[in-house]
Amino acid sequence: MWIMNFKPNKALPSVVRSLSAIALIAFSATASGQAPAAWPTKPIALVVTYPPGGGADAMARLIAPKLGEALGQNVIVENKPGAGGQIGAAAVAKAAPDGYTLMLDASSFAVNPSLYPKLPYDTEKAFRPIGVIALFPNVVLVNAQFPAKNVAELIAAAKVKKDAVSFASSGNGSAQHLAGALFESAAKVDMVHVPYKGGGPALNDVIGGQVPVFFGNLASTLQHIQSGKLRALAVTSGKRTPILPDVPTLAEAGVPGAEVYEWNVVLAPAGTPEPVVARLSAALQKALDAPEVKARIATLGGEIQKGNPEAAQAFVNQQIALWARVVKARGITLE
């Protein structure tokens, strides 16, 4: 490249020669995919693909201040909801890969490629995972009046005849829907899926007895479990949660292969310089070590994930493959 042969003119004033040298260093660093040593020099946007007040937004606002402390710059949360996370993701995919625009997404990031025939970005090529924040298990729940006292009894009730039991969710393709579909495949049962326009209405009808089963997020259902309005039959995690130590995992209850979580991940646009990715990863791990962050995630039943960007990439790839299999096997569509 011509830049490698550039030689400042010795006749130029020393200040001009110095500026030329600085420009050369900055250009060379950018051209070689390396970050300037001073990065970051301005605030960083953390785009959340869901509206304010939801789980993803809460997680972003929990880690943003600590992430900012670790990086020495403000991390500003920006909500760009819509189309199941596609609007925010499309914006981040098109952003400059300079480390100043990040995205916090949820489990739907790995589901959308199987649900939508065409996305405005390439899920596997447009992003560079920085790190997974935490895994949150779902809970297999039934209304307090439903006869089943355990998973075996739920399966028996569902096998009396096809579609004998129904389960509610916040909508087609939602986390609750997919957790239920994975359970159906693993337990070899067919239930009736009843989609609602949101998790609140779905949960209310399960509590009210209109629909007996719900594969709910632990954080939003714990109070109803503790009050006795809902009965927890199993958790979908690989091991029991300290919040519900007496509730078995699905594997312990005789249904292996149905381990599933809701989760959040931080990603950058593809092409972000690896030194920037490394700094972001280190900052995220430091943020997750903060006592208040640990405590809050623990109260939500989450398990903090510590790992490098490569581990995050492997996890996301595994989740994309998992939901592709489930969506295809159960014939799930958004209609």
C-alpha atoms as a PDB file:
ATOM      1  CA  MET A   1       0.000   0.000   0.000  1.00  0.00           C
ATOM      2  CA  TRP A   2       1.154   3.511  -0.706  1.00  0.00           C
ATOM      3  CA  ILE A   3       0.799   4.472   2.925  1.00  0.00           C
ATOM      4  CA  MET A   4       3.678   2.175   3.866  1.00  0.00           C
ATOM      5  CA  ASN A   5       6.043   4.287   1.775  1.00  0.00           C
ATOM      6  CA  PHE A   6       4.894   7.634   3.159  1.00  0.00           C
ATOM      7  CA  LYS A   7       7.755   9.835   4.478  1.00  0.00           C
ATOM      8  CA  PRO A   8       7.040  13.186   6.108  1.00  0.00           C
ATOM      9  CA  ASN A   9       8.818  16.064   4.363  1.00  0.00           C
ATOM     10  CA  LYS A  10      11.647  17.237   6.616  1.00  0.00           C
ATOM     11  CA  ALA A  11      11.159  20.746   5.281  1.00  0.00           C
ATOM     12  CA  LEU A  12       7.734  20.970   6.857  1.00  0.00           C
ATOM     13  CA  PRO A  13       7.365  22.624  10.242  1.00  0.00           C
ATOM     14  CA  SER A  14       7.752  20.172  13.122  1.00  0.00           C
ATOM     15  CA  VAL A  15       4.111  20.562  14.181  1.00  0.00           C
ATOM     16  CA  VAL A  16       2.878  19.601  10.717  1.00  0.00           C
ATOM     17  CA  ARG A  17       5.260  16.625  10.643  1.00  0.00           C
ATOM     18  CA  SER A  18       3.931  15.500  14.029  1.00  0.00           C
ATOM     19  CA  LEU A  19       0.330  15.761  12.881  1.00  0.00           C
ATOM     20  CA  SER A  20       1.177  13.786   9.763  1.00  0.00           C
ATOM     21  CA  ALA A  21       2.775  11.068  11.842  1.00  0.00           C
ATOM     22  CA  ILE A  22      -0.276  10.889  14.146  1.00  0.00           C
ATOM     23  CA  ALA A  23      -2.610  10.642  11.169  1.00  0.00           C
ATOM     24  CA  LEU A  24      -0.436   7.901   9.706  1.00  0.00           C
ATOM     25  CA  ILE A  25      -0.571   5.882  12.925  1.00  0.00           C
ATOM     26  CA  ALA A  26      -4.344   6.270  13.243  1.00  0.00           C
ATOM     27  CA  PHE A  27      -4.916   5.309   9.598  1.00  0.00           C
ATOM     28  CA  SER A  28      -2.605   2.314   9.822  1.00  0.00           C
ATOM     29  CA  ALA A  29      -4.327   1.081  12.980  1.00  0.00           C
ATOM     30  CA  THR A  30      -7.762   1.363  11.351  1.00  0.00           C
ATOM     31  CA  ALA A  31      -6.602  -0.269   8.130  1.00  0.00           C
ATOM     32  CA  SER A  32      -5.114  -3.222   9.979  1.00  0.00           C
ATOM     33  CA  GLY A  33      -8.274  -3.803  12.030  1.00  0.00           C
ATOM     34  CA  GLN A  34      -6.742  -2.571  15.270  1.00  0.00           C
ATOM     35  CA  ALA A  35      -8.270  -0.080  17.659  1.00  0.00           C
ATOM     36  CA  PRO A  36      -6.624   3.243  18.482  1.00  0.00           C
ATOM     37  CA  ALA A  37      -4.946   2.986  21.870  1.00  0.00           C
ATOM     38  CA  ALA A  38      -7.227   5.710  23.266  1.00  0.00           C
ATOM     39  CA  TRP A  39     -10.483   3.838  22.538  1.00  0.00           C
ATOM     40  CA  PRO A  40     -13.100   4.608  23.756  1.00  0.00           C
ATOM     41  CA  THR A  41     -13.071   8.388  23.476  1.00  0.00           C
ATOM     42  CA  LYS A  42     -16.838   9.001  23.487  1.00  0.00           C
ATOM     43  CA  PRO A  43     -20.050   7.465  24.902  1.00  0.00           C
ATOM     44  CA  ILE A  44     -21.166   4.033  23.710  1.00  0.00           C
ATOM     45  CA  ALA A  45     -24.735   3.229  22.654  1.00  0.00           C
ATOM     46  CA  LEU A  46     -26.240  -0.027  23.920  1.00  0.00           C
ATOM     47  CA  VAL A  47     -29.241  -0.727  21.704  1.00  0.00           C
ATOM     48  CA  VAL A  48     -31.998  -2.841  23.265  1.00  0.00           C
ATOM     49  CA  THR A  49     -34.235  -4.543  20.720  1.00  0.00           C
ATOM     50  CA  TYR A  50     -37.273  -4.465  23.024  1.00  0.00           C
ATOM     51  CA  PRO A  51     -39.364  -1.706  24.684  1.00  0.00           C
ATOM     52  CA  PRO A  52     -38.566  -0.086  28.036  1.00  0.00           C
ATOM     53  CA  GLY A  53     -39.761  -2.008  31.075  1.00  0.00           C
ATOM     54  CA  GLY A  54     -39.206  -5.529  29.769  1.00  0.00           C
ATOM     55  CA  GLY A  55     -36.643  -8.104  30.811  1.00  0.00           C
ATOM     56  CA  ALA A  56     -34.061  -7.204  28.164  1.00  0.00           C
ATOM     57  CA  ASP A  57     -34.358  -3.506  28.991  1.00  0.00           C
ATOM     58  CA  ALA A  58     -33.970  -4.195  32.717  1.00  0.00           C
ATOM     59  CA  MET A  59     -30.838  -6.229  32.072  1.00  0.00           C
ATOM     60  CA  ALA A  60     -29.362  -3.490  29.874  1.00  0.00           C
ATOM     61  CA  ARG A  61     -29.976  -0.823  32.506  1.00  0.00           C
ATOM     62  CA  LEU A  62     -28.482  -3.087  35.153  1.00  0.00           C
ATOM     63  CA  ILE A  63     -25.169  -3.638  33.381  1.00  0.00           C
ATOM     64  CA  ALA A  64     -24.781  -0.344  31.464  1.00  0.00           C
ATOM     65  CA  PRO A  65     -23.449   1.728  34.412  1.00  0.00           C
ATOM     66  CA  LYS A  66     -20.927  -0.962  35.385  1.00  0.00           C
ATOM     67  CA  LEU A  67     -19.904  -1.458  31.782  1.00  0.00           C
ATOM     68  CA  GLY A  68     -19.341   2.290  31.548  1.00  0.00           C
ATOM     69  CA  GLU A  69     -17.222   2.313  34.691  1.00  0.00           C
ATOM     70  CA  ALA A  70     -15.012  -0.433  33.311  1.00  0.00           C
ATOM     71  CA  LEU A  71     -14.563   1.358  29.973  1.00  0.00           C
ATOM     72  CA  GLY A  72     -14.223   4.889  31.321  1.00  0.00           C
ATOM     73  CA  GLN A  73     -17.107   6.182  29.167  1.00  0.00           C
ATOM     74  CA  ASN A  74     -20.870   6.438  29.544  1.00  0.00           C
ATOM     75  CA  VAL A  75     -22.863   3.539  28.111  1.00  0.00           C
ATOM     76  CA  ILE A  76     -26.238   4.866  27.036  1.00  0.00           C
ATOM     77  CA  VAL A  77     -29.216   2.513  26.668  1.00  0.00           C
ATOM     78  CA  GLU A  78     -31.292   3.108  23.533  1.00  0.00           C
ATOM     79  CA  ASN A  79     -34.533   1.189  22.958  1.00  0.00           C
ATOM     80  CA  LYS A  80     -35.304   0.283  19.347  1.00  0.00           C
ATOM     81  CA  PRO A  81     -38.177  -2.213  19.595  1.00  0.00           C
ATOM     82  CA  GLY A  82     -40.303  -3.813  16.921  1.00  0.00           C
ATOM     83  CA  ALA A  83     -40.767  -6.876  14.721  1.00  0.00           C
ATOM     84  CA  GLY A  84     -39.535  -9.328  17.327  1.00  0.00           C
ATOM     85  CA  GLY A  85     -36.216  -7.521  17.716  1.00  0.00           C
ATOM     86  CA  GLN A  86     -35.549  -7.100  14.000  1.00  0.00           C
ATOM     87  CA  ILE A  87     -35.690  -3.294  13.892  1.00  0.00           C
ATOM     88  CA  GLY A  88     -32.999  -2.790  16.509  1.00  0.00           C
ATOM     89  CA  ALA A  89     -30.872  -5.614  15.148  1.00  0.00           C
ATOM     90  CA  ALA A  90     -31.027  -4.231  11.614  1.00  0.00           C
ATOM     91  CA  ALA A  91     -29.885  -0.821  12.866  1.00  0.00           C
ATOM     92  CA  VAL A  92     -26.919  -2.296  14.733  1.00  0.00           C
ATOM     93  CA  ALA A  93     -25.972  -4.529  11.807  1.00  0.00           C
ATOM     94  CA  LYS A  94     -25.618  -1.394   9.656  1.00  0.00           C
ATOM     95  CA  ALA A  95     -23.758   0.638  12.287  1.00  0.00           C
ATOM     96  CA  ALA A  96     -20.070   1.436  11.983  1.00  0.00           C
ATOM     97  CA  PRO A  97     -18.000  -1.453  13.420  1.00  0.00           C
ATOM     98  CA  ASP A  98     -16.031   0.798  15.727  1.00  0.00           C
ATOM     99  CA  GLY A  99     -17.205  -0.382  19.147  1.00  0.00           C
ATOM    100  CA  TYR A 100     -19.439   2.630  19.764  1.00  0.00           C
ATOM    101  CA  THR A 101     -22.687   0.810  18.929  1.00  0.00           C
ATOM    102  CA  LEU A 102     -23.561  -2.407  20.740  1.00  0.00           C
ATOM    103  CA  MET A 103     -26.735  -4.453  21.019  1.00  0.00           C
ATOM    104  CA  LEU A 104     -28.356  -6.307  23.879  1.00  0.00           C
ATOM    105  CA  ASP A 105     -30.750  -8.939  22.577  1.00  0.00           C
ATOM    106  CA  ALA A 106     -32.712 -11.860  23.961  1.00  0.00           C
ATOM    107  CA  SER A 107     -33.364 -15.500  23.075  1.00  0.00           C
ATOM    108  CA  SER A 108     -35.463 -14.438  20.081  1.00  0.00           C
ATOM    109  CA  PHE A 109     -32.227 -13.465  18.327  1.00  0.00           C
ATOM    110  CA  ALA A 110     -31.544 -17.176  17.820  1.00  0.00           C
ATOM    111  CA  VAL A 111     -35.166 -18.020  16.983  1.00  0.00           C
ATOM    112  CA  ASN A 112     -35.908 -15.398  14.329  1.00  0.00           C
ATOM    113  CA  PRO A 113     -33.836 -17.038  11.555  1.00  0.00           C
ATOM    114  CA  SER A 114     -36.158 -20.048  11.699  1.00  0.00           C
ATOM    115  CA  LEU A 115     -39.410 -18.132  12.102  1.00  0.00           C
ATOM    116  CA  TYR A 116     -38.984 -15.434   9.461  1.00  0.00           C
ATOM    117  CA  PRO A 117     -38.413 -16.355   5.811  1.00  0.00           C
ATOM    118  CA  LYS A 118     -36.308 -13.212   5.339  1.00  0.00           C
ATOM    119  CA  LEU A 119     -34.544 -10.995   7.859  1.00  0.00           C
ATOM    120  CA  PRO A 120     -33.059  -7.532   7.166  1.00  0.00           C
ATOM    121  CA  TYR A 121     -29.652  -8.841   8.272  1.00  0.00           C
ATOM    122  CA  ASP A 122     -27.651 -12.060   8.304  1.00  0.00           C
ATOM    123  CA  THR A 123     -27.878 -13.369  11.868  1.00  0.00           C
ATOM    124  CA  GLU A 124     -24.707 -15.441  11.633  1.00  0.00           C
ATOM    125  CA  LYS A 125     -22.546 -12.954   9.696  1.00  0.00           C
ATOM    126  CA  ALA A 126     -23.663  -9.456  10.700  1.00  0.00           C
ATOM    127  CA  PHE A 127     -22.701  -9.571  14.384  1.00  0.00           C
ATOM    128  CA  ARG A 128     -19.767 -10.335  16.674  1.00  0.00           C
ATOM    129  CA  PRO A 129     -20.910 -11.675  20.064  1.00  0.00           C
ATOM    130  CA  ILE A 130     -19.192 -10.037  23.026  1.00  0.00           C
ATOM    131  CA  GLY A 131     -20.624 -12.178  25.793  1.00  0.00           C
ATOM    132  CA  VAL A 132     -23.699 -13.909  27.180  1.00  0.00           C
ATOM    133  CA  ILE A 133     -24.917 -12.182  30.339  1.00  0.00           C
ATOM    134  CA  ALA A 134     -26.977 -14.864  32.076  1.00  0.00           C
ATOM    135  CA  LEU A 135     -29.242 -17.847  31.557  1.00  0.00           C
ATOM    136  CA  PHE A 136     -32.758 -17.772  33.021  1.00  0.00           C
ATOM    137  CA  PRO A 137     -34.657 -21.058  33.287  1.00  0.00           C
ATOM    138  CA  ASN A 138     -38.347 -21.355  32.580  1.00  0.00           C
ATOM    139  CA  VAL A 139     -40.713 -23.167  34.927  1.00  0.00           C
ATOM    140  CA  VAL A 140     -43.328 -25.740  33.951  1.00  0.00           C
ATOM    141  CA  LEU A 141     -46.385 -24.373  35.721  1.00  0.00           C
ATOM    142  CA  VAL A 142     -49.987 -25.460  36.158  1.00  0.00           C
ATOM    143  CA  ASN A 143     -52.987 -23.763  37.653  1.00  0.00           C
ATOM    144  CA  ALA A 144     -53.449 -24.597  41.341  1.00  0.00           C
ATOM    145  CA  GLN A 145     -56.695 -26.462  40.590  1.00  0.00           C
ATOM    146  CA  PHE A 146     -55.208 -28.594  37.795  1.00  0.00           C
ATOM    147  CA  PRO A 147     -55.030 -32.260  38.906  1.00  0.00           C
ATOM    148  CA  ALA A 148     -51.409 -32.917  37.863  1.00  0.00           C
ATOM    149  CA  LYS A 149     -49.057 -32.758  40.845  1.00  0.00           C
ATOM    150  CA  ASN A 150     -45.897 -33.601  38.889  1.00  0.00           C
ATOM    151  CA  VAL A 151     -44.550 -33.870  35.362  1.00  0.00           C
ATOM    152  CA  ALA A 152     -45.444 -37.550  35.012  1.00  0.00           C
ATOM    153  CA  GLU A 153     -49.084 -36.758  35.794  1.00  0.00           C
ATOM    154  CA  LEU A 154     -49.057 -33.864  33.334  1.00  0.00           C
ATOM    155  CA  ILE A 155     -47.762 -36.149  30.586  1.00  0.00           C
ATOM    156  CA  ALA A 156     -50.351 -38.792  31.484  1.00  0.00           C
ATOM    157  CA  ALA A 157     -53.124 -36.201  31.237  1.00  0.00           C
ATOM    158  CA  ALA A 158     -51.826 -35.030  27.868  1.00  0.00           C
ATOM    159  CA  LYS A 159     -51.746 -38.613  26.554  1.00  0.00           C
ATOM    160  CA  VAL A 160     -55.365 -39.380  27.385  1.00  0.00           C
ATOM    161  CA  LYS A 161     -56.103 -38.142  23.886  1.00  0.00           C
ATOM    162  CA  LYS A 162     -54.517 -35.748  21.426  1.00  0.00           C
ATOM    163  CA  ASP A 163     -54.850 -32.110  22.439  1.00  0.00           C
ATOM    164  CA  ALA A 164     -56.329 -33.017  25.823  1.00  0.00           C
ATOM    165  CA  VAL A 165     -54.238 -30.358  27.562  1.00  0.00           C
ATOM    166  CA  SER A 166     -53.577 -26.758  26.478  1.00  0.00           C
ATOM    167  CA  PHE A 167     -50.799 -24.341  27.330  1.00  0.00           C
ATOM    168  CA  ALA A 168     -50.668 -20.551  27.105  1.00  0.00           C
ATOM    169  CA  SER A 169     -47.939 -18.273  25.782  1.00  0.00           C
ATOM    170  CA  SER A 170     -47.353 -14.615  25.019  1.00  0.00           C
ATOM    171  CA  GLY A 171     -47.662 -15.306  21.287  1.00  0.00           C
ATOM    172  CA  ASN A 172     -46.607 -17.482  18.383  1.00  0.00           C
ATOM    173  CA  GLY A 173     -42.849 -17.898  18.364  1.00  0.00           C
ATOM    174  CA  SER A 174     -42.460 -16.505  21.894  1.00  0.00           C
ATOM    175  CA  ALA A 175     -40.104 -17.978  24.482  1.00  0.00           C
ATOM    176  CA  GLN A 176     -43.040 -19.627  26.289  1.00  0.00           C
ATOM    177  CA  HIS A 177     -44.355 -21.112  23.047  1.00  0.00           C
ATOM    178  CA  LEU A 178     -40.985 -22.560  22.100  1.00  0.00           C
ATOM    179  CA  ALA A 179     -40.323 -23.934  25.584  1.00  0.00           C
ATOM    180  CA  GLY A 180     -43.689 -25.681  25.379  1.00  0.00           C
ATOM    181  CA  ALA A 181     -42.926 -27.006  21.908  1.00  0.00           C
ATOM    182  CA  LEU A 182     -39.589 -28.406  23.067  1.00  0.00           C
ATOM    183  CA  PHE A 183     -41.365 -30.078  25.994  1.00  0.00           C
ATOM    184  CA  GLU A 184     -43.898 -31.630  23.591  1.00  0.00           C
ATOM    185  CA  SER A 185     -41.126 -33.083  21.464  1.00  0.00           C
ATOM    186  CA  ALA A 186     -39.130 -34.404  24.419  1.00  0.00           C
ATOM    187  CA  ALA A 187     -42.175 -35.828  26.256  1.00  0.00           C
ATOM    188  CA  LYS A 188     -43.785 -37.107  23.026  1.00  0.00           C
ATOM    189  CA  VAL A 189     -47.112 -35.398  23.662  1.00  0.00           C
ATOM    190  CA  ASP A 190     -49.321 -33.020  21.687  1.00  0.00           C
ATOM    191  CA  MET A 191     -50.905 -30.116  23.504  1.00  0.00           C
ATOM    192  CA  VAL A 192     -53.011 -27.204  22.285  1.00  0.00           C
ATOM    193  CA  HIS A 193     -51.042 -23.968  22.084  1.00  0.00           C
ATOM    194  CA  VAL A 194     -53.096 -20.909  23.066  1.00  0.00           C
ATOM    195  CA  PRO A 195     -51.240 -17.719  22.047  1.00  0.00           C
ATOM    196  CA  TYR A 196     -51.992 -14.386  23.725  1.00  0.00           C
ATOM    197  CA  LYS A 197     -50.950 -10.835  22.918  1.00  0.00           C
ATOM    198  CA  GLY A 198     -48.427 -10.600  25.713  1.00  0.00           C
ATOM    199  CA  GLY A 199     -47.214 -12.536  28.730  1.00  0.00           C
ATOM    200  CA  GLY A 200     -49.457 -10.657  31.190  1.00  0.00           C
ATOM    201  CA  PRO A 201     -52.793 -11.750  29.672  1.00  0.00           C
ATOM    202  CA  ALA A 202     -51.497 -15.305  29.228  1.00  0.00           C
ATOM    203  CA  LEU A 203     -50.374 -15.539  32.844  1.00  0.00           C
ATOM    204  CA  ASN A 204     -53.658 -14.076  34.106  1.00  0.00           C
ATOM    205  CA  ASP A 205     -55.688 -16.710  32.279  1.00  0.00           C
ATOM    206  CA  VAL A 206     -53.510 -19.522  33.602  1.00  0.00           C
ATOM    207  CA  ILE A 207     -53.968 -18.215  37.146  1.00  0.00           C
ATOM    208  CA  GLY A 208     -57.705 -17.893  36.466  1.00  0.00           C
ATOM    209  CA  GLY A 209     -57.948 -21.464  35.195  1.00  0.00           C
ATOM    210  CA  GLN A 210     -58.931 -20.732  31.577  1.00  0.00           C
ATOM    211  CA  VAL A 211     -55.729 -22.466  30.365  1.00  0.00           C
ATOM    212  CA  PRO A 212     -54.030 -24.961  32.687  1.00  0.00           C
ATOM    213  CA  VAL A 213     -50.336 -24.937  31.674  1.00  0.00           C
ATOM    214  CA  PHE A 214     -47.688 -22.252  31.244  1.00  0.00           C
ATOM    215  CA  PHE A 215     -43.945 -22.412  30.552  1.00  0.00           C
ATOM    216  CA  GLY A 216     -43.160 -19.172  32.344  1.00  0.00           C
ATOM    217  CA  ASN A 217     -40.157 -17.084  33.197  1.00  0.00           C
ATOM    218  CA  LEU A 218     -39.142 -17.614  36.813  1.00  0.00           C
ATOM    219  CA  ALA A 219     -38.830 -13.890  37.537  1.00  0.00           C
ATOM    220  CA  SER A 220     -42.404 -13.055  36.485  1.00  0.00           C
ATOM    221  CA  THR A 221     -44.064 -16.106  38.024  1.00  0.00           C
ATOM    222  CA  LEU A 222     -42.239 -16.601  41.330  1.00  0.00           C
ATOM    223  CA  GLN A 223     -44.699 -14.535  43.375  1.00  0.00           C
ATOM    224  CA  HIS A 224     -47.611 -16.601  42.062  1.00  0.00           C
ATOM    225  CA  ILE A 225     -45.779 -19.837  42.864  1.00  0.00           C
ATOM    226  CA  GLN A 226     -45.093 -18.622  46.385  1.00  0.00           C
ATOM    227  CA  SER A 227     -48.714 -17.505  46.864  1.00  0.00           C
ATOM    228  CA  GLY A 228     -50.027 -20.906  45.756  1.00  0.00           C
ATOM    229  CA  LYS A 229     -51.852 -19.638  42.682  1.00  0.00           C
ATOM    230  CA  LEU A 230     -49.531 -21.662  40.446  1.00  0.00           C
ATOM    231  CA  ARG A 231     -47.856 -25.015  40.999  1.00  0.00           C
ATOM    232  CA  ALA A 232     -44.300 -25.486  39.772  1.00  0.00           C
ATOM    233  CA  LEU A 233     -43.757 -28.973  38.373  1.00  0.00           C
ATOM    234  CA  ALA A 234     -40.213 -28.585  37.040  1.00  0.00           C
ATOM    235  CA  VAL A 235     -37.563 -26.120  35.944  1.00  0.00           C
ATOM    236  CA  THR A 236     -36.123 -26.224  32.429  1.00  0.00           C
ATOM    237  CA  SER A 237     -32.511 -25.735  33.524  1.00  0.00           C
ATOM    238  CA  GLY A 238     -29.778 -28.353  33.703  1.00  0.00           C
ATOM    239  CA  LYS A 239     -29.711 -28.148  37.488  1.00  0.00           C
ATOM    240  CA  ARG A 240     -32.118 -27.034  40.186  1.00  0.00           C
ATOM    241  CA  THR A 241     -32.413 -23.357  40.962  1.00  0.00           C
ATOM    242  CA  PRO A 242     -31.653 -22.143  44.509  1.00  0.00           C
ATOM    243  CA  ILE A 243     -34.875 -20.116  44.412  1.00  0.00           C
ATOM    244  CA  LEU A 244     -36.973 -23.298  44.093  1.00  0.00           C
ATOM    245  CA  PRO A 245     -34.707 -25.978  45.539  1.00  0.00           C
ATOM    246  CA  ASP A 246     -37.504 -28.545  45.917  1.00  0.00           C
ATOM    247  CA  VAL A 247     -38.611 -28.320  42.292  1.00  0.00           C
ATOM    248  CA  PRO A 248     -36.908 -30.911  40.059  1.00  0.00           C
ATOM    249  CA  THR A 249     -35.404 -30.295  36.648  1.00  0.00           C
ATOM    250  CA  LEU A 250     -37.240 -31.749  33.669  1.00  0.00           C
ATOM    251  CA  ALA A 251     -34.480 -34.329  33.286  1.00  0.00           C
ATOM    252  CA  GLU A 252     -34.952 -35.388  36.916  1.00  0.00           C
ATOM    253  CA  ALA A 253     -38.687 -35.577  36.253  1.00  0.00           C
ATOM    254  CA  GLY A 254     -38.131 -38.039  33.420  1.00  0.00           C
ATOM    255  CA  VAL A 255     -38.011 -35.686  30.424  1.00  0.00           C
ATOM    256  CA  PRO A 256     -34.399 -35.354  29.217  1.00  0.00           C
ATOM    257  CA  GLY A 257     -33.616 -33.215  26.206  1.00  0.00           C
ATOM    258  CA  ALA A 258     -35.876 -30.307  27.157  1.00  0.00           C
ATOM    259  CA  GLU A 259     -33.282 -28.045  28.786  1.00  0.00           C
ATOM    260  CA  VAL A 260     -34.002 -24.477  27.720  1.00  0.00           C
ATOM    261  CA  TYR A 261     -33.338 -20.958  28.953  1.00  0.00           C
ATOM    262  CA  GLU A 262     -34.215 -17.413  28.251  1.00  0.00           C
ATOM    263  CA  TRP A 263     -31.015 -15.398  27.946  1.00  0.00           C
ATOM    264  CA  ASN A 264     -29.465 -12.081  27.032  1.00  0.00           C
ATOM    265  CA  VAL A 265     -26.386 -11.475  24.927  1.00  0.00           C
ATOM    266  CA  VAL A 266     -24.307  -8.412  24.034  1.00  0.00           C
ATOM    267  CA  LEU A 267     -23.196  -8.146  20.413  1.00  0.00           C
ATOM    268  CA  ALA A 268     -21.258  -5.706  18.217  1.00  0.00           C
ATOM    269  CA  PRO A 269     -21.426  -5.238  14.452  1.00  0.00           C
ATOM    270  CA  ALA A 270     -19.296  -7.697  12.500  1.00  0.00           C
ATOM    271  CA  GLY A 271     -15.912  -6.254  11.647  1.00  0.00           C
ATOM    272  CA  THR A 272     -15.408  -4.569  15.012  1.00  0.00           C
ATOM    273  CA  PRO A 273     -11.629  -4.650  15.643  1.00  0.00           C
ATOM    274  CA  GLU A 274     -10.596  -7.575  17.796  1.00  0.00           C
ATOM    275  CA  PRO A 275      -8.766  -5.378  20.336  1.00  0.00           C
ATOM    276  CA  VAL A 276     -12.051  -3.512  20.869  1.00  0.00           C
ATOM    277  CA  VAL A 277     -13.942  -6.798  21.162  1.00  0.00           C
ATOM    278  CA  ALA A 278     -11.409  -7.957  23.766  1.00  0.00           C
ATOM    279  CA  ARG A 279     -11.791  -4.748  25.798  1.00  0.00           C
ATOM    280  CA  LEU A 280     -15.579  -4.965  25.633  1.00  0.00           C
ATOM    281  CA  SER A 281     -15.488  -8.594  26.731  1.00  0.00           C
ATOM    282  CA  ALA A 282     -13.228  -7.804  29.688  1.00  0.00           C
ATOM    283  CA  ALA A 283     -15.455  -4.864  30.662  1.00  0.00           C
ATOM    284  CA  LEU A 284     -18.577  -7.033  30.495  1.00  0.00           C
ATOM    285  CA  GLN A 285     -17.001  -9.707  32.679  1.00  0.00           C
ATOM    286  CA  LYS A 286     -16.023  -7.015  35.192  1.00  0.00           C
ATOM    287  CA  ALA A 287     -19.572  -5.646  35.154  1.00  0.00           C
ATOM    288  CA  LEU A 288     -20.963  -9.115  35.849  1.00  0.00           C
ATOM    289  CA  ASP A 289     -18.663  -9.384  38.874  1.00  0.00           C
ATOM    290  CA  ALA A 290     -20.249  -6.319  40.511  1.00  0.00           C
ATOM    291  CA  PRO A 291     -22.048  -7.400  43.735  1.00  0.00           C
ATOM    292  CA  GLU A 292     -25.268  -5.555  42.857  1.00  0.00           C
ATOM    293  CA  VAL A 293     -25.375  -7.144  39.405  1.00  0.00           C
ATOM    294  CA  LYS A 294     -24.795 -10.606  40.852  1.00  0.00           C
ATOM    295  CA  ALA A 295     -27.470 -10.066  43.489  1.00  0.00           C
ATOM    296  CA  ARG A 296     -30.093  -8.831  41.039  1.00  0.00           C
ATOM    297  CA  ILE A 297     -29.554 -11.659  38.571  1.00  0.00           C
ATOM    298  CA  ALA A 298     -29.705 -14.175  41.422  1.00  0.00           C
ATOM    299  CA  THR A 299     -33.088 -12.835  42.562  1.00  0.00           C
ATOM    300  CA  LEU A 300     -34.373 -13.405  39.020  1.00  0.00           C
ATOM    301  CA  GLY A 301     -33.223 -17.014  39.115  1.00  0.00           C
ATOM    302  CA  GLY A 302     -30.476 -16.369  36.585  1.00  0.00           C
ATOM    303  CA  GLU A 303     -27.065 -17.953  36.262  1.00  0.00           C
ATOM    304  CA  ILE A 304     -24.348 -15.487  35.252  1.00  0.00           C
ATOM    305  CA  GLN A 305     -22.210 -16.603  32.331  1.00  0.00           C
ATOM    306  CA  LYS A 306     -18.464 -15.996  32.343  1.00  0.00           C
ATOM    307  CA  GLY A 307     -16.794 -16.553  29.023  1.00  0.00           C
ATOM    308  CA  ASN A 308     -14.949 -15.011  26.101  1.00  0.00           C
ATOM    309  CA  PRO A 309     -16.441 -13.914  22.753  1.00  0.00           C
ATOM    310  CA  GLU A 310     -15.666 -17.301  21.206  1.00  0.00           C
ATOM    311  CA  ALA A 311     -17.706 -19.054  23.894  1.00  0.00           C
ATOM    312  CA  ALA A 312     -20.548 -16.603  23.296  1.00  0.00           C
ATOM    313  CA  GLN A 313     -20.396 -17.275  19.556  1.00  0.00           C
ATOM    314  CA  ALA A 314     -20.527 -21.033  20.144  1.00  0.00           C
ATOM    315  CA  PHE A 315     -23.517 -20.641  22.473  1.00  0.00           C
ATOM    316  CA  VAL A 316     -25.447 -18.479  20.004  1.00  0.00           C
ATOM    317  CA  ASN A 317     -24.719 -20.926  17.175  1.00  0.00           C
ATOM    318  CA  GLN A 318     -25.938 -23.812  19.334  1.00  0.00           C
ATOM    319  CA  GLN A 319     -29.154 -21.944  20.132  1.00  0.00           C
ATOM    320  CA  ILE A 320     -29.797 -21.128  16.472  1.00  0.00           C
ATOM    321  CA  ALA A 321     -29.422 -24.819  15.608  1.00  0.00           C
ATOM    322  CA  LEU A 322     -31.643 -25.913  18.521  1.00  0.00           C
ATOM    323  CA  TRP A 323     -34.557 -23.676  17.587  1.00  0.00           C
ATOM    324  CA  ALA A 324     -34.247 -24.503  13.912  1.00  0.00           C
ATOM    325  CA  ARG A 325     -34.841 -28.153  14.841  1.00  0.00           C
ATOM    326  CA  VAL A 326     -37.765 -27.356  17.156  1.00  0.00           C
ATOM    327  CA  VAL A 327     -39.480 -24.982  14.732  1.00  0.00           C
ATOM    328  CA  LYS A 328     -39.199 -27.515  11.915  1.00  0.00           C
ATOM    329  CA  ALA A 329     -40.245 -30.526  14.016  1.00  0.00           C
ATOM    330  CA  ARG A 330     -43.323 -28.802  15.463  1.00  0.00           C
ATOM    331  CA  GLY A 331     -44.260 -26.930  12.296  1.00  0.00           C
ATOM    332  CA  ILE A 332     -44.253 -23.578  14.132  1.00  0.00           C
ATOM    333  CA  THR A 333     -45.269 -20.490  12.174  1.00  0.00           C
ATOM    334  CA  LEU A 334     -46.116 -16.925  13.119  1.00  0.00           C
ATOM    335  CA  GLU A 335     -49.664 -17.199  11.785  1.00  0.00           C
END
